[in-house]
Every structure is written in C-alpha cells, then in structure tokens.
Amino acid sequence: MNATATSSLQPARDARQSAGRYSGWRLFLEGLTGQRGWPQAWAKATPRPRYRVVVVGGGGQGLATAYYLASEFGITDVAVVERGPIGLGNVGRNTTIIRSNYFRPENVRFYDYSLRLWAGLERRLNFNAMVSQRGTLNLFHTEAQRDLFTRRANQMRLLGVDAEAVSRGAVRALVPLVDLDNGRYPVLGGFLQRRGGTVRHDAVAWGYARAASAAGVDIIENREVTGIHRDGKRVIGVETTRGAIAADTVCLAVAGHSSHLAAMAGLRLPIESHVLQAFVTESVKPLLDVVLTYGAGHFYVSQSDRGGLVYGGAIDGYNSYAQRGTLPMAEEVAAAALTLMPALARLRVLRQWGGVVDMSMDGSPLISRTPLDGLILNGGWCYGGFKAIPAGGMATAHLIACGTPHPLAAHLALERFAAGRTVDERGLGPFPYAH
C-alpha cells in the first residue's frame, strides 16, 4: 500500500473529547476542584465496519504503530483491537529495561534509534512514562568475556553509540553491594552504557494510547480477534468476538501469540512461544543506581521508583502460552542474584509474573510483509520487544504507509530465513530457546 492510498469506505468519525494537555499548572487547578475535571485519557471507541488499517494487539508495539501512522504519515483511519484492557497484556509483564548495547551493526543502529526516541518520548506524548536513563552495566567474569565485551563496545563506538569500559574498582563504586570475589564467578569488570535505563511499562501503553486516540485512532478494547478473513492470497479483515471488521491492511502485533494469529491466516512462522518470568521484592532505600546484568548467568536487576528490586532471568525453556513460570527457574534466578549480591537474601519477594515471548530462530525480530497481501507482521521480539517499542512502531508504520521497509529495519524481513541472511546476534544457530 502506498502513502496516498485511501479506504473505499470513510464514514464520519464519532466526536471525541480530547484529554487535553497535561501540565503542572493544570494539575494545580484540578487540585482546587478535587481532581474531578479530568476526562478519559483515550476514547472508548465504537468500532466501525471498515478501516484502512487494523492493528491487532494493543500493547506497546501495536499502539506505537498506530500512533506513528497518524502522527508521521497522516493515516488516521486506523483501529487498534485489543482482547482486554490496554496495559494488561505483555507490555505490562516485563522488567522495563531499555538499551542499545548489541553487537551486530544493523541491530545496534536499530535499537539505538529506539533509544533516541525514548529520550524525547515524554515530551512528544505529553505523558510521564518515567523514562530514567540511569545506565546499564554489564559485568564480565572471565578473560574471554572481557575480550567479547571489549569487541562489542568497540563496535558500538565505531557506530557512534556510547559504551564505556569499567574496571573492578569502578564496579565497586557504582554498585557497592556486588561481591566482586564471589566463589562462583568473580567479577573482573564490565561495560557501561549511560543512556540505557528503565521506563515505566504500563505508562508507555497508556501514553501511546492517549496520543493515538487524540490523533484520531480508534482504540477498541475487550474484543478478541478470532479469525482472519482472506480473499485468495489477500487478507481483507478480521473476525472478532463481536463481529467482523474489514480492512485494507491488517497488522499483527501480538507478541507471544504471533504464531497463533498467523495460523488463522494459514501461515506458519519461524518462531516459538516461551514463558519469561519477572520478580519484584519489597521496597528498600535506594541501593542500586544502574541496571545491572550478570555475565555468568541470565540475571538482570534494577530498582524501581517505589524501592522494589525488579529482576528476571532466562526463559523457562519450554513452549507455553501460560502467563506464569516454574519454581526451578525462580530458583535459578534467585541463585544468580545471591551469588552476585548476597545481601539480597534478606529481601522478600512480593510478586512474580510471567510474560509470553515469541522467540525467533535467529534471536532478531520480524517487521515484515508476509506471503499474503495486506498482512503485516510485527513480532519475534525475543527479549527485545519492550526496549524497541518506539523504533518498532515507527518502522512498522513506515512499512504500512510507504510499502517499503524502514531503512533501519530492512534486515528484519521474513524473507531472510529463506535467503540465509539470518541476523544471529549471539551466533547460536537456529534454536529459539537459546537466544
């Protein structure tokens, strides 16, 4: 579809009330009236029978795609269809980390573009997403890891992306609780990306939903897509729990359920769905100023603004759509945490949850056309879906509006698997669980 194409049916839109602009002055005025003047953040849209674009999935990637279609390409005849309330899907089930410290040049450029968009996102959306660029510190524990991390840091610097080598002494200064001489994997140093950090996950969904709605996008909640309509090799709409919606283009942005939705259209994708757990401890005084990752095990931790330590590890290693995890993985992650910072043994874990992630065969995502005309795919994000929300949404919107891949996402097309041009970030081969 090109940028000038129009839907064959363009009915008038329902009048909607704007949520207005948030500001300190407005907050003060609302305080004088008991906070009773705030309208809904986004309109509860009544779906129309046809749209130019239907985005299936109201998480971060889907809402960002809809927002950028409206704001960057002037395409407002868009509906976002979400099976539940906005913010309660996978976008709210992660550890909120943003970074661009990758190795492959094309991935470094893509994720760093996302990091630059994160830096200005709150001002652009007029919404407090709690973007905190506190830095991400990756530790290494062997001389071989030192070489690998140095190579990655040099690659990043060659591409104009920040990366700093950190000595043992500097690690101790940044994170005093780290046991540098632990019995399992002594810490030799690390590398730091200062522009990395965290963002409040549900605020990202709410901010994009509010901005997309204000731009004219219909946000349709509590309506599950149960089928995809085809006319030969062209997708012409979706079937939902409350009726059909026709569309010129359907975009799937449904995270761990990508293969399930694609199967409704008769496609089999090169991805698997796995469970990824996360945990939150009780609140304590500030003790961790950076996002910390453990090089000897898949463990990462940061401290939230409310004082809890938010941490996670690797996927559970088996295929599942369940939003819960297993005790063996919880034990493995806890062991890594206590090896790295023994003082954490004194904290209680208050909450645990699981998200469903779609693991691709090479560890890199898919932003791509499909063999079916009118069907666009945004998925296969592995561990990277949250940090890539701004760039993924922009690239998907570009693909829909212009009919060509965004220059920074051209390497993420589905065709790469057939052509042998896989983007294997870690060099582990075609094993989704290993990425």
Protein backbone atom coordinates (compact mmCIF):
# COMPACT_ATOMS: atom_id res chain seq x y z
CA MET A 1 0.00 0.00 0.00
CA ASN A 2 1.38 3.44 -0.84
CA ALA A 3 1.01 6.56 1.27
CA THR A 4 -1.69 8.06 -0.95
CA ALA A 5 -4.00 5.05 -0.99
CA THR A 6 -7.40 5.57 0.63
CA SER A 7 -10.02 3.25 2.02
CA SER A 8 -13.08 2.65 -0.11
CA LEU A 9 -15.25 3.49 2.88
CA GLN A 10 -14.56 6.56 5.04
CA PRO A 11 -17.55 7.21 7.32
CA ALA A 12 -17.61 10.19 9.62
CA ARG A 13 -15.95 9.69 12.97
CA ASP A 14 -17.69 9.95 16.30
CA ALA A 15 -16.98 13.18 18.08
CA ARG A 16 -14.47 12.60 20.86
CA GLN A 17 -13.37 14.68 23.79
CA SER A 18 -9.67 15.42 23.99
CA ALA A 19 -7.90 14.58 27.23
CA GLY A 20 -6.25 18.00 26.97
CA ARG A 21 -2.65 18.82 27.71
CA TYR A 22 -1.10 17.75 30.99
CA SER A 23 0.95 20.35 32.86
CA GLY A 24 1.92 21.37 36.36
CA TRP A 25 -0.45 24.35 36.16
CA ARG A 26 -3.37 22.13 35.17
CA LEU A 27 -2.55 19.70 37.96
CA PHE A 28 -2.66 22.61 40.42
CA LEU A 29 -6.02 23.80 39.12
CA GLU A 30 -7.53 20.32 39.25
CA GLY A 31 -6.35 20.03 42.83
CA LEU A 32 -8.52 23.01 43.72
CA THR A 33 -11.61 21.20 42.41
CA GLY A 34 -10.97 17.74 43.86
CA GLN A 35 -9.43 16.34 40.65
CA ARG A 36 -12.92 16.00 39.12
CA GLY A 37 -12.21 17.71 35.81
CA TRP A 38 -10.03 15.09 34.14
CA PRO A 39 -11.60 13.44 31.05
CA GLN A 40 -10.81 9.90 29.91
CA ALA A 41 -7.22 9.54 28.72
CA TRP A 42 -8.41 7.91 25.48
CA ALA A 43 -11.80 7.50 23.85
CA LYS A 44 -13.64 4.20 24.22
CA ALA A 45 -14.26 3.84 20.51
CA THR A 46 -17.24 2.15 18.91
CA PRO A 47 -15.79 0.07 16.06
CA ARG A 48 -16.79 0.84 12.51
CA PRO A 49 -17.33 -1.83 9.84
CA ARG A 50 -14.20 -0.93 7.89
CA TYR A 51 -10.80 0.73 8.37
CA ARG A 52 -7.82 1.41 6.21
CA VAL A 53 -5.57 -0.30 8.80
CA VAL A 54 -6.49 -2.66 11.63
CA VAL A 55 -3.71 -3.27 14.15
CA VAL A 56 -4.30 -6.46 16.13
CA GLY A 57 -2.74 -6.03 19.57
CA GLY A 58 -2.97 -3.08 21.94
CA GLY A 59 0.43 -3.48 23.55
CA GLY A 60 3.42 -1.22 23.10
CA GLN A 61 4.28 -2.22 19.52
CA GLY A 62 0.68 -2.08 18.28
CA LEU A 63 -0.14 1.27 19.89
CA ALA A 64 3.15 2.79 18.74
CA THR A 65 2.45 1.62 15.19
CA ALA A 66 -0.98 3.24 15.24
CA TYR A 67 0.34 6.46 16.76
CA TYR A 68 3.13 6.86 14.20
CA LEU A 69 0.75 6.03 11.33
CA ALA A 70 -1.33 9.01 12.43
CA SER A 71 1.39 11.42 13.51
CA GLU A 72 4.10 10.69 10.91
CA PHE A 73 2.15 9.54 7.86
CA GLY A 74 -1.26 11.17 8.30
CA ILE A 75 -3.13 7.85 8.29
CA THR A 76 -5.82 8.17 10.96
CA ASP A 77 -8.32 5.63 9.60
CA VAL A 78 -6.83 3.08 11.98
CA ALA A 79 -8.25 0.76 14.64
CA VAL A 80 -6.26 -0.96 17.39
CA VAL A 81 -8.08 -4.12 18.51
CA GLU A 82 -7.10 -5.47 21.94
CA ARG A 83 -8.66 -8.52 23.58
CA GLY A 84 -8.50 -6.99 27.08
CA PRO A 85 -7.92 -3.57 28.68
CA ILE A 86 -4.97 -1.50 27.48
CA GLY A 87 -1.85 -2.12 29.55
CA LEU A 88 -2.77 -5.53 30.96
CA GLY A 89 -1.10 -7.67 28.29
CA ASN A 90 2.58 -8.44 27.79
CA VAL A 91 3.54 -4.76 27.71
CA GLY A 92 2.94 -4.72 31.48
CA ARG A 93 4.80 -8.01 32.07
CA ASN A 94 8.47 -7.20 31.66
CA THR A 95 11.42 -5.71 33.52
CA THR A 96 11.23 -2.30 31.78
CA ILE A 97 14.84 -2.12 30.54
CA ILE A 98 15.92 -0.01 27.55
CA ARG A 99 19.35 -0.19 25.93
CA SER A 100 21.16 -0.48 22.60
CA ASN A 101 24.28 -2.43 23.56
CA TYR A 102 24.09 -5.01 20.78
CA PHE A 103 26.81 -6.46 18.59
CA ARG A 104 25.53 -6.74 15.02
CA PRO A 105 25.82 -3.29 13.37
CA GLU A 106 22.29 -3.35 11.97
CA ASN A 107 20.88 -4.20 15.39
CA VAL A 108 22.97 -1.53 17.12
CA ARG A 109 21.63 1.11 14.72
CA PHE A 110 18.03 -0.05 15.12
CA TYR A 111 17.97 -0.24 18.91
CA ASP A 112 19.93 2.99 19.27
CA TYR A 113 17.32 4.70 17.12
CA SER A 114 14.77 3.42 19.62
CA LEU A 115 16.88 4.75 22.50
CA ARG A 116 16.94 8.19 20.89
CA LEU A 117 13.16 8.10 20.50
CA TRP A 118 12.80 7.08 24.16
CA ALA A 119 14.80 10.14 25.21
CA GLY A 120 12.20 12.52 23.74
CA LEU A 121 9.10 10.37 24.15
CA GLU A 122 7.59 12.01 27.23
CA ARG A 123 7.68 15.49 25.70
CA ARG A 124 6.28 14.20 22.43
CA LEU A 125 3.41 12.25 24.01
CA ASN A 126 2.84 14.78 26.84
CA PHE A 127 2.79 11.86 29.24
CA ASN A 128 5.01 10.88 32.16
CA ALA A 129 6.39 7.50 31.13
CA MET A 130 9.08 7.72 33.84
CA VAL A 131 11.96 7.39 31.35
CA SER A 132 15.08 7.00 33.51
CA GLN A 133 18.39 6.86 31.62
CA ARG A 134 20.33 5.69 34.67
CA GLY A 135 22.74 3.49 32.69
CA THR A 136 23.07 -0.24 32.10
CA LEU A 137 26.11 -2.04 33.48
CA ASN A 138 27.03 -5.44 32.01
CA LEU A 139 29.51 -7.44 34.12
CA PHE A 140 32.05 -9.95 32.83
CA HIS A 141 33.75 -12.74 34.76
CA THR A 142 36.43 -14.30 32.52
CA GLU A 143 39.15 -13.04 30.21
CA ALA A 144 37.24 -14.49 27.27
CA GLN A 145 34.20 -12.44 28.26
CA ARG A 146 36.41 -9.37 28.62
CA ASP A 147 37.51 -9.82 25.01
CA LEU A 148 33.94 -10.34 23.83
CA PHE A 149 32.60 -7.29 25.68
CA THR A 150 35.51 -5.14 24.51
CA ARG A 151 34.80 -6.16 20.94
CA ARG A 152 31.12 -5.26 21.38
CA ALA A 153 31.96 -1.92 22.99
CA ASN A 154 34.40 -1.05 20.20
CA GLN A 155 31.80 -1.96 17.58
CA MET A 156 29.29 0.32 19.29
CA ARG A 157 31.74 3.22 19.46
CA LEU A 158 32.59 2.81 15.78
CA LEU A 159 28.88 3.28 15.09
CA GLY A 160 28.70 6.40 17.25
CA VAL A 161 26.99 4.70 20.20
CA ASP A 162 28.22 5.21 23.78
CA ALA A 163 29.96 2.36 25.60
CA GLU A 164 32.50 2.63 28.44
CA ALA A 165 34.88 0.04 29.85
CA VAL A 166 34.50 -0.27 33.63
CA SER A 167 37.22 -1.63 35.95
CA ARG A 168 36.67 -3.72 39.09
CA GLY A 169 37.13 -0.64 41.22
CA ALA A 170 34.62 1.32 39.19
CA VAL A 171 32.11 -1.54 39.50
CA ARG A 172 32.51 -1.42 43.28
CA ALA A 173 31.94 2.34 43.26
CA LEU A 174 28.83 2.05 41.09
CA VAL A 175 27.31 -0.96 42.88
CA PRO A 176 28.85 -1.40 46.36
CA LEU A 177 26.73 -4.47 47.15
CA VAL A 178 28.29 -6.57 44.36
CA ASP A 179 30.51 -9.38 45.66
CA LEU A 180 33.48 -8.99 43.33
CA ASP A 181 35.22 -12.10 44.68
CA ASN A 182 32.26 -14.46 44.92
CA GLY A 183 33.09 -18.14 44.84
CA ARG A 184 31.28 -18.95 41.59
CA TYR A 185 32.20 -16.20 39.14
CA PRO A 186 34.44 -13.37 40.39
CA VAL A 187 33.74 -10.03 38.73
CA LEU A 188 36.61 -8.77 36.55
CA GLY A 189 34.90 -5.63 35.25
CA GLY A 190 32.15 -4.59 32.92
CA PHE A 191 30.97 -2.10 30.36
CA LEU A 192 28.50 0.70 30.84
CA GLN A 193 26.02 2.35 28.50
CA ARG A 194 24.97 5.51 30.29
CA ARG A 195 21.97 6.22 28.03
CA GLY A 196 20.39 2.88 28.91
CA GLY A 197 17.93 2.60 31.77
CA THR A 198 14.30 1.88 32.50
CA VAL A 199 10.81 3.10 31.56
CA ARG A 200 7.50 2.54 33.37
CA HIS A 201 5.94 -0.23 31.25
CA ASP A 202 2.22 0.41 31.67
CA ALA A 203 2.73 4.18 31.34
CA VAL A 204 4.17 3.55 27.88
CA ALA A 205 0.96 1.79 26.80
CA TRP A 206 -1.24 4.50 28.34
CA GLY A 207 0.80 7.32 26.81
CA TYR A 208 0.73 5.88 23.30
CA ALA A 209 -2.99 5.01 23.61
CA ARG A 210 -3.82 8.55 24.70
CA ALA A 211 -1.75 10.16 21.93
CA ALA A 212 -3.06 7.80 19.24
CA SER A 213 -6.66 8.40 20.29
CA ALA A 214 -6.14 12.16 20.24
CA ALA A 215 -4.74 11.81 16.70
CA GLY A 216 -7.92 10.05 15.52
CA VAL A 217 -7.12 6.35 16.00
CA ASP A 218 -9.91 4.12 17.37
CA ILE A 219 -8.80 2.16 20.46
CA ILE A 220 -11.08 -0.90 20.73
CA GLU A 221 -10.68 -2.79 24.00
CA ASN A 222 -12.14 -6.10 25.21
CA ARG A 223 -12.60 -7.50 21.70
CA GLU A 224 -10.60 -10.59 20.81
CA VAL A 225 -9.69 -11.42 17.22
CA THR A 226 -10.86 -14.96 16.49
CA GLY A 227 -10.19 -15.19 12.76
CA ILE A 228 -8.60 -13.53 9.75
CA HIS A 229 -10.60 -13.15 6.55
CA ARG A 230 -8.94 -13.82 3.20
CA ASP A 231 -9.90 -13.35 -0.41
CA GLY A 232 -7.49 -15.69 -2.14
CA LYS A 233 -3.99 -14.54 -1.23
CA ARG A 234 -5.16 -11.24 0.19
CA VAL A 235 -6.21 -10.52 3.76
CA ILE A 236 -9.36 -8.39 3.84
CA GLY A 237 -10.19 -8.11 7.54
CA VAL A 238 -10.59 -9.80 10.89
CA GLU A 239 -13.30 -11.65 12.76
CA THR A 240 -13.74 -10.69 16.41
CA THR A 241 -15.83 -11.88 19.35
CA ARG A 242 -18.31 -9.11 18.47
CA GLY A 243 -18.38 -9.20 14.70
CA ALA A 244 -16.21 -8.70 11.63
CA ILE A 245 -14.07 -5.66 10.80
CA ALA A 246 -12.90 -5.17 7.21
CA ALA A 247 -9.53 -3.58 6.44
CA ASP A 248 -7.21 -2.77 3.58
CA THR A 249 -4.25 -3.79 5.76
CA VAL A 250 -4.10 -5.95 8.87
CA CYS A 251 -1.04 -5.70 11.12
CA LEU A 252 -0.33 -8.39 13.71
CA ALA A 253 1.46 -7.01 16.79
CA VAL A 254 0.56 -9.64 19.38
CA ALA A 255 3.90 -10.60 20.92
CA GLY A 256 3.93 -14.24 22.08
CA HIS A 257 0.71 -15.04 20.22
CA SER A 258 2.09 -14.17 16.77
CA SER A 259 2.19 -17.78 15.59
CA HIS A 260 -1.37 -18.35 16.86
CA LEU A 261 -2.78 -15.35 14.96
CA ALA A 262 -0.73 -16.06 11.84
CA ALA A 263 -2.10 -19.62 11.80
CA MET A 264 -5.59 -18.14 11.48
CA ALA A 265 -4.44 -16.77 8.12
CA GLY A 266 -2.82 -20.07 7.14
CA LEU A 267 0.78 -19.05 7.83
CA ARG A 268 3.42 -20.89 9.87
CA LEU A 269 6.04 -18.56 11.31
CA PRO A 270 9.69 -19.37 12.26
CA ILE A 271 9.08 -18.55 15.94
CA GLU A 272 8.25 -20.30 19.20
CA SER A 273 6.37 -19.01 22.26
CA HIS A 274 8.06 -19.25 25.66
CA VAL A 275 7.44 -18.04 29.21
CA LEU A 276 9.65 -15.32 30.69
CA GLN A 277 9.38 -14.65 34.42
CA ALA A 278 9.96 -11.47 36.40
CA PHE A 279 10.01 -10.70 40.12
CA VAL A 280 9.69 -7.73 42.48
CA THR A 281 10.99 -7.53 46.04
CA GLU A 282 9.75 -5.48 48.96
CA SER A 283 10.70 -1.79 48.93
CA VAL A 284 14.02 -0.70 50.42
CA LYS A 285 16.04 2.51 50.49
CA PRO A 286 17.97 3.37 47.29
CA LEU A 287 20.80 0.91 46.79
CA LEU A 288 21.08 0.40 43.02
CA ASP A 289 21.59 3.37 40.70
CA VAL A 290 22.04 1.44 37.43
CA VAL A 291 20.51 -1.50 35.61
CA LEU A 292 22.84 -4.39 36.44
CA THR A 293 23.29 -7.58 34.41
CA TYR A 294 25.23 -10.68 35.43
CA GLY A 295 27.51 -12.05 32.73
CA ALA A 296 27.78 -15.54 34.24
CA GLY A 297 24.04 -16.19 34.25
CA HIS A 298 20.98 -14.65 32.70
CA PHE A 299 20.14 -12.26 35.54
CA TYR A 300 19.28 -8.55 35.39
CA VAL A 301 18.06 -6.19 38.10
CA SER A 302 17.10 -2.56 38.64
CA GLN A 303 15.41 -0.63 41.43
CA SER A 304 12.01 0.91 40.83
CA ASP A 305 11.00 4.37 41.97
CA ARG A 306 8.93 2.73 44.72
CA GLY A 307 12.02 0.98 46.07
CA GLY A 308 11.41 -2.61 44.96
CA LEU A 309 14.09 -4.51 43.09
CA VAL A 310 12.76 -5.65 39.72
CA TYR A 311 14.67 -8.63 38.36
CA GLY A 312 14.45 -11.52 35.93
CA GLY A 313 16.41 -14.17 34.09
CA ALA A 314 16.15 -16.52 31.14
CA ILE A 315 13.05 -18.04 29.59
CA ASP A 316 11.76 -21.23 31.21
CA GLY A 317 12.88 -23.21 28.17
CA TYR A 318 9.67 -24.89 27.08
CA ASN A 319 6.84 -23.83 24.76
CA SER A 320 3.85 -22.33 26.55
CA TYR A 321 1.18 -19.63 26.38
CA ALA A 322 0.75 -19.56 30.17
CA GLN A 323 1.47 -16.28 31.93
CA ARG A 324 3.14 -17.99 34.84
CA GLY A 325 6.51 -19.60 35.43
CA THR A 326 8.11 -22.56 37.17
CA LEU A 327 9.89 -22.90 40.51
CA PRO A 328 13.14 -24.28 39.00
CA MET A 329 13.65 -21.08 37.00
CA ALA A 330 12.73 -18.94 40.02
CA GLU A 331 15.37 -20.85 42.00
CA GLU A 332 17.99 -20.40 39.27
CA VAL A 333 17.39 -16.65 39.06
CA ALA A 334 17.49 -16.31 42.85
CA ALA A 335 20.79 -18.21 42.96
CA ALA A 336 22.32 -15.83 40.43
CA ALA A 337 21.05 -12.84 42.43
CA LEU A 338 22.55 -14.08 45.68
CA THR A 339 25.85 -15.02 44.07
CA LEU A 340 26.20 -11.50 42.71
CA MET A 341 24.74 -9.60 45.68
CA PRO A 342 24.49 -11.80 48.82
CA ALA A 343 22.71 -9.05 50.78
CA LEU A 344 19.59 -9.63 48.66
CA ALA A 345 18.97 -12.78 50.72
CA ARG A 346 17.41 -10.50 53.35
CA LEU A 347 14.66 -9.29 50.98
CA ARG A 348 11.26 -10.86 50.49
CA VAL A 349 9.83 -11.38 47.00
CA LEU A 350 6.40 -9.78 46.86
CA ARG A 351 5.28 -10.52 43.30
CA GLN A 352 6.10 -12.85 40.45
CA TRP A 353 4.58 -13.00 36.98
CA GLY A 354 5.24 -14.42 33.54
CA GLY A 355 5.00 -12.99 30.06
CA VAL A 356 4.75 -14.85 26.76
CA VAL A 357 7.60 -14.02 24.39
CA ASP A 358 7.90 -15.07 20.76
CA MET A 359 11.41 -16.37 20.19
CA SER A 360 12.60 -16.23 16.60
CA MET A 361 15.02 -18.70 15.04
CA ASP A 362 17.92 -16.22 14.98
CA GLY A 363 17.13 -14.08 18.01
CA SER A 364 16.17 -10.99 15.99
CA PRO A 365 12.64 -9.65 15.42
CA LEU A 366 10.35 -9.60 12.40
CA ILE A 367 8.97 -6.38 10.90
CA SER A 368 7.84 -7.61 7.57
CA ARG A 369 5.35 -8.16 4.82
CA THR A 370 4.09 -11.72 4.57
CA PRO A 371 3.24 -14.02 1.63
CA LEU A 372 -0.34 -12.72 1.96
CA ASP A 373 -1.08 -9.27 0.54
CA GLY A 374 -2.43 -6.89 3.14
CA LEU A 375 -0.93 -8.73 6.12
CA ILE A 376 1.96 -7.13 8.03
CA LEU A 377 3.85 -8.79 10.88
CA ASN A 378 5.47 -7.18 13.89
CA GLY A 379 6.78 -9.96 16.15
CA GLY A 380 9.54 -12.40 17.04
CA TRP A 381 10.99 -9.93 19.55
CA CYS A 382 12.58 -12.46 21.93
CA TYR A 383 13.82 -10.35 24.87
CA GLY A 384 13.85 -7.07 22.93
CA GLY A 385 10.21 -6.10 22.38
CA PHE A 386 9.86 -3.50 25.13
CA LYS A 387 13.09 -1.61 24.52
CA ALA A 388 12.27 -1.43 20.80
CA ILE A 389 8.71 -0.07 21.11
CA PRO A 390 9.35 3.39 19.58
CA ALA A 391 11.58 2.11 16.76
CA GLY A 392 9.41 -0.95 16.12
CA GLY A 393 6.27 1.15 15.91
CA MET A 394 7.91 3.69 13.62
CA ALA A 395 9.34 1.01 11.34
CA THR A 396 6.04 -0.87 11.12
CA ALA A 397 4.13 2.32 10.38
CA HIS A 398 6.65 3.14 7.64
CA LEU A 399 6.20 -0.31 6.10
CA ILE A 400 2.40 0.02 6.10
CA ALA A 401 2.29 3.60 4.83
CA CYS A 402 5.09 3.51 2.25
CA GLY A 403 5.07 -0.14 1.21
CA THR A 404 8.85 -0.37 1.72
CA PRO A 405 10.88 -1.28 4.82
CA HIS A 406 12.21 1.44 7.06
CA PRO A 407 15.95 1.81 6.29
CA LEU A 408 16.89 0.78 9.85
CA ALA A 409 14.63 -2.29 9.80
CA ALA A 410 15.24 -3.66 6.30
CA HIS A 411 17.26 -6.55 7.76
CA LEU A 412 14.27 -7.76 9.79
CA ALA A 413 12.18 -9.05 6.86
CA LEU A 414 10.71 -12.54 6.98
CA GLU A 415 12.48 -13.45 3.73
CA ARG A 416 15.86 -13.53 5.47
CA PHE A 417 15.28 -17.09 6.68
CA ALA A 418 14.67 -18.43 3.17
CA ALA A 419 17.61 -16.46 1.77
CA GLY A 420 20.07 -17.47 4.50
CA ARG A 421 20.62 -13.88 5.70
CA THR A 422 19.81 -14.54 9.35
CA VAL A 423 20.67 -11.90 11.95
CA ASP A 424 22.11 -14.22 14.59
CA GLU A 425 23.12 -11.74 17.29
CA ARG A 426 24.68 -14.35 19.59
CA GLY A 427 25.86 -16.84 16.97
CA LEU A 428 23.88 -19.75 18.41
CA GLY A 429 22.20 -21.13 15.32
CA PRO A 430 18.51 -21.86 14.63
CA PHE A 431 17.47 -22.66 18.21
CA PRO A 432 14.87 -20.21 19.56
CA TYR A 433 15.25 -21.26 23.20
CA ALA A 434 18.99 -20.46 23.05
CA HIS A 435 18.54 -16.83 22.02
